[in-house]
Amino acid sequence: MTILLTVGTGFIGKPLCQALVQQDAQVVVVSRRPQNQLQSAITYIRSLSDLKGNQHDVIINLAGELIAQRWSSAVKEKIRKSRLDVTSALIEYLSSSAKKPQLFISGSTIGYYGAD
């Protein structure tokens, strides 16, 4: 089974990657800093454009700006935009893929962003 994971280096993504590798999954992680990753059983890439036509059975999207910071209008917009941009890029990637994944999971930190 091949799995594409956005942000496999965080609180949830890192142990998830380890569990998937232990179950013999082929894991590809999209990371802003792929050169800093040392897990040899995982392929790290910088962006979806680096996939070069790879097909995945499962896509898990955990990407998004951290919410553990002082919130301002600008930070709230950055949080919102980070989730929308990655999800939109994944949808675009999927629309051009010949083989669609069996499963697509998209999740992010749950929080209240305010009304403004």
C-alpha atoms as a PDB file:
ATOM      1  CA  MET A   1       0.000   0.000   0.000  1.00  0.00           C
ATOM      2  CA  THR A   2       1.304   3.456  -0.885  1.00  0.00           C
ATOM      3  CA  ILE A   3       0.360   6.410   1.272  1.00  0.00           C
ATOM      4  CA  LEU A   4       0.841  10.117   0.631  1.00  0.00           C
ATOM      5  CA  LEU A   5       0.943  12.160   3.821  1.00  0.00           C
ATOM      6  CA  THR A   6       1.139  15.933   4.063  1.00  0.00           C
ATOM      7  CA  VAL A   7       3.155  16.930   7.114  1.00  0.00           C
ATOM      8  CA  GLY A   8       4.379  13.646   8.523  1.00  0.00           C
ATOM      9  CA  THR A   9       6.748  15.343  10.952  1.00  0.00           C
ATOM     10  CA  GLY A  10       4.379  16.771  13.561  1.00  0.00           C
ATOM     11  CA  PHE A  11       2.632  15.584  16.711  1.00  0.00           C
ATOM     12  CA  ILE A  12       0.265  13.246  14.842  1.00  0.00           C
ATOM     13  CA  GLY A  13       2.137  12.741  11.581  1.00  0.00           C
ATOM     14  CA  LYS A  14       5.414  11.448  13.017  1.00  0.00           C
ATOM     15  CA  PRO A  15       3.959   8.522  15.010  1.00  0.00           C
ATOM     16  CA  LEU A  16       1.506   7.843  12.171  1.00  0.00           C
ATOM     17  CA  CYS A  17       4.424   7.487   9.736  1.00  0.00           C
ATOM     18  CA  GLN A  18       6.195   5.115  12.108  1.00  0.00           C
ATOM     19  CA  ALA A  19       3.073   2.950  12.467  1.00  0.00           C
ATOM     20  CA  LEU A  20       2.516   2.872   8.699  1.00  0.00           C
ATOM     21  CA  VAL A  21       6.133   1.857   8.013  1.00  0.00           C
ATOM     22  CA  GLN A  22       5.844  -0.913  10.619  1.00  0.00           C
ATOM     23  CA  GLN A  23       2.896  -2.244   8.603  1.00  0.00           C
ATOM     24  CA  ASP A  24       5.059  -2.266   5.447  1.00  0.00           C
ATOM     25  CA  ALA A  25       3.336   0.695   3.797  1.00  0.00           C
ATOM     26  CA  GLN A  26       5.290   2.782   1.305  1.00  0.00           C
ATOM     27  CA  VAL A  27       5.022   6.301   2.717  1.00  0.00           C
ATOM     28  CA  VAL A  28       5.670   9.567   0.872  1.00  0.00           C
ATOM     29  CA  VAL A  29       5.669  12.692   3.039  1.00  0.00           C
ATOM     30  CA  VAL A  30       5.282  16.242   1.750  1.00  0.00           C
ATOM     31  CA  SER A  31       7.470  18.412   3.999  1.00  0.00           C
ATOM     32  CA  ARG A  32       8.760  21.984   3.873  1.00  0.00           C
ATOM     33  CA  ARG A  33      12.166  20.643   4.922  1.00  0.00           C
ATOM     34  CA  PRO A  34      12.561  17.212   3.305  1.00  0.00           C
ATOM     35  CA  GLN A  35      16.356  17.373   3.509  1.00  0.00           C
ATOM     36  CA  ASN A  36      16.205  17.378   7.347  1.00  0.00           C
ATOM     37  CA  GLN A  37      14.377  14.051   7.592  1.00  0.00           C
ATOM     38  CA  LEU A  38      16.367  10.948   8.484  1.00  0.00           C
ATOM     39  CA  GLN A  39      13.720   8.194   8.355  1.00  0.00           C
ATOM     40  CA  SER A  40      15.117   6.130   5.471  1.00  0.00           C
ATOM     41  CA  ALA A  41      11.960   4.005   5.075  1.00  0.00           C
ATOM     42  CA  ILE A  42      10.011   7.139   4.084  1.00  0.00           C
ATOM     43  CA  THR A  43      10.344   9.218   0.924  1.00  0.00           C
ATOM     44  CA  TYR A  44      10.286  12.959   1.625  1.00  0.00           C
ATOM     45  CA  ILE A  45       9.383  15.539  -1.008  1.00  0.00           C
ATOM     46  CA  ARG A  46       8.967  19.316  -0.903  1.00  0.00           C
ATOM     47  CA  SER A  47       5.758  19.669  -2.940  1.00  0.00           C
ATOM     48  CA  LEU A  48       3.103  17.729  -4.819  1.00  0.00           C
ATOM     49  CA  SER A  49       4.789  18.712  -8.089  1.00  0.00           C
ATOM     50  CA  ASP A  50       7.710  16.463  -7.043  1.00  0.00           C
ATOM     51  CA  LEU A  51       5.498  13.366  -7.325  1.00  0.00           C
ATOM     52  CA  LYS A  52       5.969  12.981 -11.080  1.00  0.00           C
ATOM     53  CA  GLY A  53       2.832  10.906 -11.616  1.00  0.00           C
ATOM     54  CA  ASN A  54       3.070   8.670  -8.544  1.00  0.00           C
ATOM     55  CA  GLN A  55      -0.202   7.020  -7.615  1.00  0.00           C
ATOM     56  CA  HIS A  56      -1.240   6.450  -4.011  1.00  0.00           C
ATOM     57  CA  ASP A  57      -3.780   4.153  -2.410  1.00  0.00           C
ATOM     58  CA  VAL A  58      -4.378   6.556   0.491  1.00  0.00           C
ATOM     59  CA  ILE A  59      -3.885  10.299   0.935  1.00  0.00           C
ATOM     60  CA  ILE A  60      -3.811  11.800   4.433  1.00  0.00           C
ATOM     61  CA  ASN A  61      -3.765  15.593   4.711  1.00  0.00           C
ATOM     62  CA  LEU A  62      -2.635  16.970   8.072  1.00  0.00           C
ATOM     63  CA  ALA A  63      -1.084  20.205   6.778  1.00  0.00           C
ATOM     64  CA  GLY A  64      -1.783  23.596   8.241  1.00  0.00           C
ATOM     65  CA  GLU A  65      -0.279  26.485  10.166  1.00  0.00           C
ATOM     66  CA  LEU A  66       0.152  25.862  13.891  1.00  0.00           C
ATOM     67  CA  ILE A  67      -2.550  27.406  16.047  1.00  0.00           C
ATOM     68  CA  ALA A  68      -0.358  27.559  19.167  1.00  0.00           C
ATOM     69  CA  GLN A  69       0.610  31.204  18.713  1.00  0.00           C
ATOM     70  CA  ARG A  70      -0.731  34.647  19.542  1.00  0.00           C
ATOM     71  CA  TRP A  71      -3.726  35.219  17.328  1.00  0.00           C
ATOM     72  CA  SER A  72      -4.262  38.378  15.343  1.00  0.00           C
ATOM     73  CA  SER A  73      -6.312  39.002  12.232  1.00  0.00           C
ATOM     74  CA  ALA A  74      -3.222  38.274  10.128  1.00  0.00           C
ATOM     75  CA  VAL A  75      -2.463  35.019  11.963  1.00  0.00           C
ATOM     76  CA  LYS A  76      -6.083  33.861  11.687  1.00  0.00           C
ATOM     77  CA  GLU A  77      -5.946  34.477   7.941  1.00  0.00           C
ATOM     78  CA  LYS A  78      -2.631  32.597   7.698  1.00  0.00           C
ATOM     79  CA  ILE A  79      -4.157  29.612   9.561  1.00  0.00           C
ATOM     80  CA  ARG A  80      -7.242  29.598   7.339  1.00  0.00           C
ATOM     81  CA  LYS A  81      -5.228  30.027   4.138  1.00  0.00           C
ATOM     82  CA  SER A  82      -2.791  27.251   5.065  1.00  0.00           C
ATOM     83  CA  ARG A  83      -5.617  24.743   5.260  1.00  0.00           C
ATOM     84  CA  LEU A  84      -7.411  25.914   2.131  1.00  0.00           C
ATOM     85  CA  ASP A  85      -4.277  26.109  -0.039  1.00  0.00           C
ATOM     86  CA  VAL A  86      -3.018  22.597   0.728  1.00  0.00           C
ATOM     87  CA  THR A  87      -6.464  21.047   0.355  1.00  0.00           C
ATOM     88  CA  SER A  88      -6.985  22.869  -2.956  1.00  0.00           C
ATOM     89  CA  ALA A  89      -3.592  21.650  -4.211  1.00  0.00           C
ATOM     90  CA  LEU A  90      -4.481  18.072  -3.265  1.00  0.00           C
ATOM     91  CA  ILE A  91      -7.815  18.317  -5.077  1.00  0.00           C
ATOM     92  CA  GLU A  92      -6.034  19.646  -8.170  1.00  0.00           C
ATOM     93  CA  TYR A  93      -3.489  16.811  -7.944  1.00  0.00           C
ATOM     94  CA  LEU A  94      -6.300  14.252  -7.631  1.00  0.00           C
ATOM     95  CA  SER A  95      -8.218  15.689 -10.551  1.00  0.00           C
ATOM     96  CA  SER A  96      -5.239  15.055 -12.837  1.00  0.00           C
ATOM     97  CA  SER A  97      -4.471  11.571 -11.454  1.00  0.00           C
ATOM     98  CA  ALA A  98      -5.449   8.586 -13.576  1.00  0.00           C
ATOM     99  CA  LYS A  99      -5.758   6.357 -10.513  1.00  0.00           C
ATOM    100  CA  LYS A 100      -7.750   7.805  -7.641  1.00  0.00           C
ATOM    101  CA  PRO A 101      -6.927   6.848  -4.033  1.00  0.00           C
ATOM    102  CA  GLN A 102      -9.125   4.366  -2.196  1.00  0.00           C
ATOM    103  CA  LEU A 103      -9.235   6.727   0.776  1.00  0.00           C
ATOM    104  CA  PHE A 104      -8.721  10.466   1.304  1.00  0.00           C
ATOM    105  CA  ILE A 105      -8.527  11.799   4.866  1.00  0.00           C
ATOM    106  CA  SER A 106      -8.206  15.507   5.570  1.00  0.00           C
ATOM    107  CA  GLY A 107      -7.957  16.884   9.075  1.00  0.00           C
ATOM    108  CA  SER A 108      -6.415  19.771  10.920  1.00  0.00           C
ATOM    109  CA  THR A 109      -6.366  21.269  14.366  1.00  0.00           C
ATOM    110  CA  ILE A 110      -9.827  21.989  15.627  1.00  0.00           C
ATOM    111  CA  GLY A 111     -10.199  25.539  16.794  1.00  0.00           C
ATOM    112  CA  TYR A 112     -12.444  28.576  16.716  1.00  0.00           C
ATOM    113  CA  TYR A 113     -11.117  31.298  14.426  1.00  0.00           C
ATOM    114  CA  GLY A 114     -13.551  34.065  15.339  1.00  0.00           C
ATOM    115  CA  ALA A 115     -16.126  35.988  13.384  1.00  0.00           C
ATOM    116  CA  ASP A 116     -13.982  38.741  11.842  1.00  0.00           C
END
